[in-house]
C-alpha atoms as a PDB file:
ATOM      1  CA  MET A   1      -0.100  -0.062   0.126  1.00  0.00           C
ATOM      2  CA  ALA A   2       2.732   2.406   0.393  1.00  0.00           C
ATOM      3  CA  ALA A   3       4.345   2.066  -2.348  1.00  0.00           C
ATOM      4  CA  THR A   4       0.951   3.583  -3.894  1.00  0.00           C
ATOM      5  CA  THR A   5       1.340   6.759  -2.188  1.00  0.00           C
ATOM      6  CA  PRO A   6       2.814   9.686  -3.762  1.00  0.00           C
ATOM      7  CA  LEU A   7       4.487  10.036  -0.403  1.00  0.00           C
ATOM      8  CA  HIS A   8       5.966   6.358  -0.832  1.00  0.00           C
ATOM      9  CA  ARG A   9       4.857   5.271   2.990  1.00  0.00           C
ATOM     10  CA  ILE A  10       2.118   4.922   5.151  1.00  0.00           C
ATOM     11  CA  ALA A  11       0.980   7.530   7.706  1.00  0.00           C
ATOM     12  CA  ASP A  12       1.994   7.665  11.288  1.00  0.00           C
ATOM     13  CA  PRO A  13      -1.403   7.117  13.578  1.00  0.00           C
ATOM     14  CA  ALA A  14      -0.240  10.781  15.288  1.00  0.00           C
ATOM     15  CA  GLU A  15      -0.321  11.889  11.578  1.00  0.00           C
ATOM     16  CA  ILE A  16      -4.059  11.243  11.495  1.00  0.00           C
ATOM     17  CA  ALA A  17      -4.682  12.179  14.942  1.00  0.00           C
ATOM     18  CA  GLN A  18      -3.389  16.085  13.676  1.00  0.00           C
ATOM     19  CA  ALA A  19      -5.439  16.742  11.291  1.00  0.00           C
ATOM     20  CA  ALA A  20      -8.713  15.517  13.230  1.00  0.00           C
ATOM     21  CA  LEU A  21      -7.613  17.714  15.889  1.00  0.00           C
ATOM     22  CA  PHE A  22      -7.118  20.656  13.548  1.00  0.00           C
ATOM     23  CA  LEU A  23     -10.717  20.199  12.110  1.00  0.00           C
ATOM     24  CA  ALA A  24     -11.891  19.418  15.792  1.00  0.00           C
ATOM     25  CA  SER A  25     -10.016  23.202  16.855  1.00  0.00           C
ATOM     26  CA  ASP A  26     -10.465  26.795  16.767  1.00  0.00           C
ATOM     27  CA  ARG A  27      -7.823  26.754  13.779  1.00  0.00           C
ATOM     28  CA  SER A  28     -10.272  25.163  12.023  1.00  0.00           C
ATOM     29  CA  SER A  29     -13.054  27.454  12.180  1.00  0.00           C
ATOM     30  CA  PHE A  30     -13.145  29.122   9.157  1.00  0.00           C
ATOM     31  CA  THR A  31     -12.621  26.523   7.468  1.00  0.00           C
ATOM     32  CA  THR A  32     -15.769  25.499   5.639  1.00  0.00           C
ATOM     33  CA  GLY A  33     -17.058  23.110   2.548  1.00  0.00           C
ATOM     34  CA  SER A  34     -13.695  21.847   2.177  1.00  0.00           C
ATOM     35  CA  GLU A  35     -12.472  17.957   2.244  1.00  0.00           C
ATOM     36  CA  LEU A  36      -9.280  16.937   4.355  1.00  0.00           C
ATOM     37  CA  PHE A  37      -7.660  14.163   3.010  1.00  0.00           C
ATOM     38  CA  ALA A  38      -4.693  12.670   4.987  1.00  0.00           C
ATOM     39  CA  ASP A  39      -3.680  10.061   2.890  1.00  0.00           C
ATOM     40  CA  GLY A  40      -0.440  11.113   1.664  1.00  0.00           C
ATOM     41  CA  GLY A  41      -1.535  11.712  -1.637  1.00  0.00           C
ATOM     42  CA  GLU A  42      -3.151   8.647  -2.836  1.00  0.00           C
ATOM     43  CA  VAL A  43      -6.584  10.279  -3.642  1.00  0.00           C
ATOM     44  CA  GLN A  44      -4.653  13.131  -6.142  1.00  0.00           C
ATOM     45  CA  VAL A  45      -2.688   9.759  -7.968  1.00  0.00           C
ATOM     46  CA  PHE A  46      -6.427   7.454  -7.563  1.00  0.00           C
ATOM     47  CA  PRO A  47      -9.636   9.906  -7.819  1.00  0.00           C
ATOM     48  CA  ALA A  48     -11.809   7.602  -8.429  1.00  0.00           C
ATOM     49  CA  ALA A  49     -10.628   5.594  -5.090  1.00  0.00           C
ATOM     50  CA  VAL A  50     -12.800   8.450  -3.213  1.00  0.00           C
ATOM     51  CA  ARG A  51     -15.842   7.197  -5.279  1.00  0.00           C
END
């Protein structure tokens, strides 16, 4: 699976947690109508995987 991402590695659990914490924090208060992908760029390479 790591070979399919542009970063060539699997996310560290702390990296996923940081993305979730950002969305739950006041720092994301001006963020609307967005999707935050914490997938190492896999969606950019395989966009059909999102569907």
